[in-house]
Amino acid sequence: MLDTIFFIIVGAAAFLCIIRLIKGPTASDRAVALDTASTVTTAVLVLLGLFFKRYVYLDVALVYAVLTFIGSVAIARFLERGI
């Protein structure tokens, strides 16, 4: 029961991130929405790992989090230069 509530909350967060990603008035808003959506995806991977008792999902979530951090830094540097 508690797992279902977690998935509903995370699904609502993902939906709100997608809305901000589409409607964001500036590129910075879209970048923050994309970073938040990546964090939500990492949370989904962790929840799936705990739900199915398959801990390989936790390893995938860790690698995904590191890669999205590198991507977020690259996007931030790109936006900072204004290219």
N, C-alpha and C. Protein backbone atom coordinates (compact mmCIF):
# COMPACT_ATOMS: atom_id res chain seq x y z
N MET A 1 0.82 -1.19 0.00
CA MET A 1 0.00 0.00 0.00
C MET A 1 0.86 1.25 0.00
N LEU A 2 1.89 1.24 0.83
CA LEU A 2 2.77 2.40 0.92
C LEU A 2 3.55 2.60 -0.38
N ASP A 3 3.90 1.49 -1.05
CA ASP A 3 4.59 1.59 -2.33
C ASP A 3 3.73 2.29 -3.37
N THR A 4 2.45 1.99 -3.36
CA THR A 4 1.53 2.62 -4.31
C THR A 4 1.46 4.12 -4.08
N ILE A 5 1.43 4.52 -2.84
CA ILE A 5 1.39 5.96 -2.53
C ILE A 5 2.67 6.64 -3.01
N PHE A 6 3.82 5.98 -2.79
CA PHE A 6 5.08 6.54 -3.26
C PHE A 6 5.08 6.71 -4.77
N PHE A 7 4.60 5.69 -5.49
CA PHE A 7 4.59 5.77 -6.95
C PHE A 7 3.64 6.85 -7.45
N ILE A 8 2.53 7.05 -6.77
CA ILE A 8 1.60 8.12 -7.16
C ILE A 8 2.23 9.49 -6.95
N ILE A 9 2.90 9.68 -5.83
CA ILE A 9 3.54 10.97 -5.55
C ILE A 9 4.66 11.23 -6.55
N VAL A 10 5.47 10.22 -6.83
CA VAL A 10 6.57 10.40 -7.77
C VAL A 10 6.03 10.62 -9.18
N GLY A 11 4.95 9.95 -9.53
CA GLY A 11 4.32 10.18 -10.84
C GLY A 11 3.79 11.59 -10.98
N ALA A 12 3.19 12.11 -9.92
CA ALA A 12 2.70 13.50 -9.96
C ALA A 12 3.86 14.47 -10.09
N ALA A 13 4.97 14.20 -9.42
CA ALA A 13 6.15 15.07 -9.53
C ALA A 13 6.71 15.03 -10.95
N ALA A 14 6.73 13.86 -11.56
CA ALA A 14 7.22 13.75 -12.93
C ALA A 14 6.30 14.51 -13.89
N PHE A 15 5.01 14.42 -13.67
CA PHE A 15 4.05 15.13 -14.53
C PHE A 15 4.25 16.64 -14.42
N LEU A 16 4.44 17.14 -13.21
CA LEU A 16 4.66 18.57 -13.02
C LEU A 16 5.98 19.03 -13.64
N CYS A 17 6.99 18.18 -13.59
CA CYS A 17 8.27 18.52 -14.22
C CYS A 17 8.13 18.61 -15.73
N ILE A 18 7.36 17.71 -16.31
CA ILE A 18 7.16 17.73 -17.76
C ILE A 18 6.41 18.98 -18.17
N ILE A 19 5.42 19.38 -17.38
CA ILE A 19 4.69 20.61 -17.69
C ILE A 19 5.63 21.81 -17.65
N ARG A 20 6.48 21.90 -16.64
CA ARG A 20 7.43 23.02 -16.54
C ARG A 20 8.46 22.95 -17.66
N LEU A 21 8.82 21.75 -18.07
CA LEU A 21 9.77 21.59 -19.16
C LEU A 21 9.20 22.10 -20.47
N ILE A 22 7.92 21.92 -20.67
CA ILE A 22 7.28 22.38 -21.91
C ILE A 22 6.96 23.86 -21.85
N LYS A 23 6.42 24.34 -20.73
CA LYS A 23 5.94 25.71 -20.64
C LYS A 23 6.95 26.69 -20.07
N GLY A 24 8.13 26.21 -19.66
CA GLY A 24 9.09 27.09 -18.99
C GLY A 24 9.39 28.33 -19.81
N PRO A 25 9.24 29.52 -19.22
CA PRO A 25 9.44 30.73 -20.00
C PRO A 25 10.90 30.97 -20.39
N THR A 26 11.84 30.47 -19.62
CA THR A 26 13.25 30.68 -19.96
C THR A 26 13.95 29.33 -20.06
N ALA A 27 15.13 29.38 -20.65
CA ALA A 27 15.93 28.16 -20.78
C ALA A 27 16.40 27.67 -19.41
N SER A 28 16.61 28.58 -18.49
CA SER A 28 17.02 28.17 -17.14
C SER A 28 15.91 27.39 -16.44
N ASP A 29 14.66 27.82 -16.62
CA ASP A 29 13.54 27.08 -16.04
C ASP A 29 13.46 25.67 -16.62
N ARG A 30 13.68 25.57 -17.91
CA ARG A 30 13.65 24.25 -18.55
C ARG A 30 14.80 23.37 -18.05
N ALA A 31 15.97 23.97 -17.84
CA ALA A 31 17.11 23.20 -17.34
C ALA A 31 16.84 22.68 -15.93
N VAL A 32 16.25 23.51 -15.09
CA VAL A 32 15.92 23.08 -13.73
C VAL A 32 14.86 21.98 -13.76
N ALA A 33 13.88 22.12 -14.65
CA ALA A 33 12.85 21.09 -14.77
C ALA A 33 13.44 19.77 -15.26
N LEU A 34 14.39 19.85 -16.18
CA LEU A 34 15.04 18.63 -16.66
C LEU A 34 15.86 17.97 -15.56
N ASP A 35 16.54 18.77 -14.77
CA ASP A 35 17.32 18.24 -13.66
C ASP A 35 16.41 17.60 -12.61
N THR A 36 15.29 18.23 -12.34
CA THR A 36 14.33 17.67 -11.38
C THR A 36 13.72 16.38 -11.92
N ALA A 37 13.43 16.34 -13.21
CA ALA A 37 12.90 15.12 -13.82
C ALA A 37 13.92 13.99 -13.73
N SER A 38 15.18 14.32 -13.87
CA SER A 38 16.23 13.30 -13.72
C SER A 38 16.29 12.79 -12.29
N THR A 39 16.11 13.67 -11.34
CA THR A 39 16.08 13.25 -9.94
C THR A 39 14.88 12.35 -9.66
N VAL A 40 13.74 12.69 -10.25
CA VAL A 40 12.55 11.86 -10.09
C VAL A 40 12.77 10.48 -10.72
N THR A 41 13.44 10.45 -11.87
CA THR A 41 13.75 9.17 -12.50
C THR A 41 14.66 8.33 -11.62
N THR A 42 15.63 8.96 -10.99
CA THR A 42 16.50 8.26 -10.06
C THR A 42 15.70 7.70 -8.88
N ALA A 43 14.75 8.48 -8.39
CA ALA A 43 13.90 8.01 -7.29
C ALA A 43 13.05 6.82 -7.73
N VAL A 44 12.56 6.85 -8.96
CA VAL A 44 11.77 5.72 -9.47
C VAL A 44 12.64 4.47 -9.55
N LEU A 45 13.87 4.61 -10.00
CA LEU A 45 14.76 3.45 -10.05
C LEU A 45 15.03 2.88 -8.67
N VAL A 46 15.21 3.74 -7.69
CA VAL A 46 15.43 3.27 -6.32
C VAL A 46 14.18 2.58 -5.79
N LEU A 47 13.01 3.16 -6.05
CA LEU A 47 11.76 2.53 -5.59
C LEU A 47 11.53 1.19 -6.27
N LEU A 48 11.85 1.09 -7.55
CA LEU A 48 11.71 -0.19 -8.24
C LEU A 48 12.65 -1.23 -7.65
N GLY A 49 13.86 -0.81 -7.33
CA GLY A 49 14.80 -1.73 -6.71
C GLY A 49 14.32 -2.25 -5.37
N LEU A 50 13.73 -1.37 -4.58
CA LEU A 50 13.22 -1.79 -3.28
C LEU A 50 11.94 -2.61 -3.42
N PHE A 51 11.10 -2.27 -4.40
CA PHE A 51 9.83 -2.96 -4.59
C PHE A 51 10.05 -4.39 -5.08
N PHE A 52 10.95 -4.57 -6.06
CA PHE A 52 11.18 -5.89 -6.64
C PHE A 52 12.31 -6.67 -5.95
N LYS A 53 12.94 -6.05 -4.94
CA LYS A 53 14.06 -6.67 -4.23
C LYS A 53 15.19 -7.03 -5.19
N ARG A 54 15.38 -6.19 -6.20
CA ARG A 54 16.46 -6.35 -7.17
C ARG A 54 17.39 -5.16 -6.99
N TYR A 55 18.51 -5.39 -6.37
CA TYR A 55 19.38 -4.28 -5.99
C TYR A 55 20.25 -3.78 -7.13
N VAL A 56 20.15 -4.42 -8.29
CA VAL A 56 20.86 -3.91 -9.46
C VAL A 56 20.26 -2.56 -9.88
N TYR A 57 18.99 -2.34 -9.58
CA TYR A 57 18.37 -1.04 -9.88
C TYR A 57 19.03 0.09 -9.09
N LEU A 58 19.51 -0.21 -7.91
CA LEU A 58 20.20 0.81 -7.11
C LEU A 58 21.53 1.19 -7.75
N ASP A 59 22.22 0.21 -8.32
CA ASP A 59 23.47 0.51 -9.02
C ASP A 59 23.20 1.35 -10.26
N VAL A 60 22.16 1.00 -10.98
CA VAL A 60 21.79 1.77 -12.17
C VAL A 60 21.40 3.19 -11.78
N ALA A 61 20.68 3.33 -10.68
CA ALA A 61 20.28 4.66 -10.21
C ALA A 61 21.49 5.50 -9.85
N LEU A 62 22.49 4.90 -9.24
CA LEU A 62 23.70 5.63 -8.88
C LEU A 62 24.45 6.11 -10.12
N VAL A 63 24.62 5.24 -11.10
CA VAL A 63 25.29 5.63 -12.34
C VAL A 63 24.49 6.69 -13.07
N TYR A 64 23.18 6.54 -13.10
CA TYR A 64 22.31 7.52 -13.76
C TYR A 64 22.41 8.88 -13.07
N ALA A 65 22.47 8.88 -11.76
CA ALA A 65 22.57 10.15 -11.02
C ALA A 65 23.89 10.85 -11.32
N VAL A 66 24.97 10.10 -11.42
CA VAL A 66 26.27 10.71 -11.74
C VAL A 66 26.26 11.28 -13.15
N LEU A 67 25.70 10.53 -14.10
CA LEU A 67 25.66 11.01 -15.49
C LEU A 67 24.76 12.23 -15.64
N THR A 68 23.64 12.26 -14.94
CA THR A 68 22.77 13.43 -15.04
C THR A 68 23.39 14.64 -14.35
N PHE A 69 24.20 14.42 -13.32
CA PHE A 69 24.92 15.54 -12.71
C PHE A 69 25.90 16.14 -13.70
N ILE A 70 26.62 15.30 -14.41
CA ILE A 70 27.56 15.80 -15.42
C ILE A 70 26.81 16.54 -16.52
N GLY A 71 25.67 16.01 -16.93
CA GLY A 71 24.86 16.69 -17.94
C GLY A 71 24.32 18.02 -17.44
N SER A 72 23.93 18.08 -16.19
CA SER A 72 23.42 19.34 -15.62
C SER A 72 24.51 20.40 -15.56
N VAL A 73 25.72 19.98 -15.22
CA VAL A 73 26.84 20.93 -15.20
C VAL A 73 27.13 21.43 -16.61
N ALA A 74 27.06 20.54 -17.59
CA ALA A 74 27.30 20.95 -18.98
C ALA A 74 26.23 21.93 -19.45
N ILE A 75 24.98 21.68 -19.12
CA ILE A 75 23.90 22.59 -19.51
C ILE A 75 24.06 23.93 -18.82
N ALA A 76 24.44 23.92 -17.55
CA ALA A 76 24.62 25.18 -16.81
C ALA A 76 25.76 26.00 -17.41
N ARG A 77 26.84 25.36 -17.78
CA ARG A 77 27.95 26.10 -18.40
C ARG A 77 27.54 26.63 -19.76
N PHE A 78 26.76 25.86 -20.50
CA PHE A 78 26.28 26.32 -21.80
C PHE A 78 25.38 27.54 -21.65
N LEU A 79 24.48 27.51 -20.68
CA LEU A 79 23.57 28.64 -20.46
C LEU A 79 24.30 29.86 -19.91
N GLU A 80 25.35 29.63 -19.14
CA GLU A 80 26.11 30.73 -18.57
C GLU A 80 26.83 31.54 -19.65
N ARG A 81 27.32 30.85 -20.65
CA ARG A 81 28.03 31.54 -21.73
C ARG A 81 27.08 32.24 -22.68
N GLY A 82 25.83 31.82 -22.70
CA GLY A 82 24.84 32.47 -23.56
C GLY A 82 25.01 32.16 -25.03
N ILE A 83 25.55 30.99 -25.32
CA ILE A 83 25.77 30.61 -26.72
C ILE A 83 24.47 30.15 -27.33
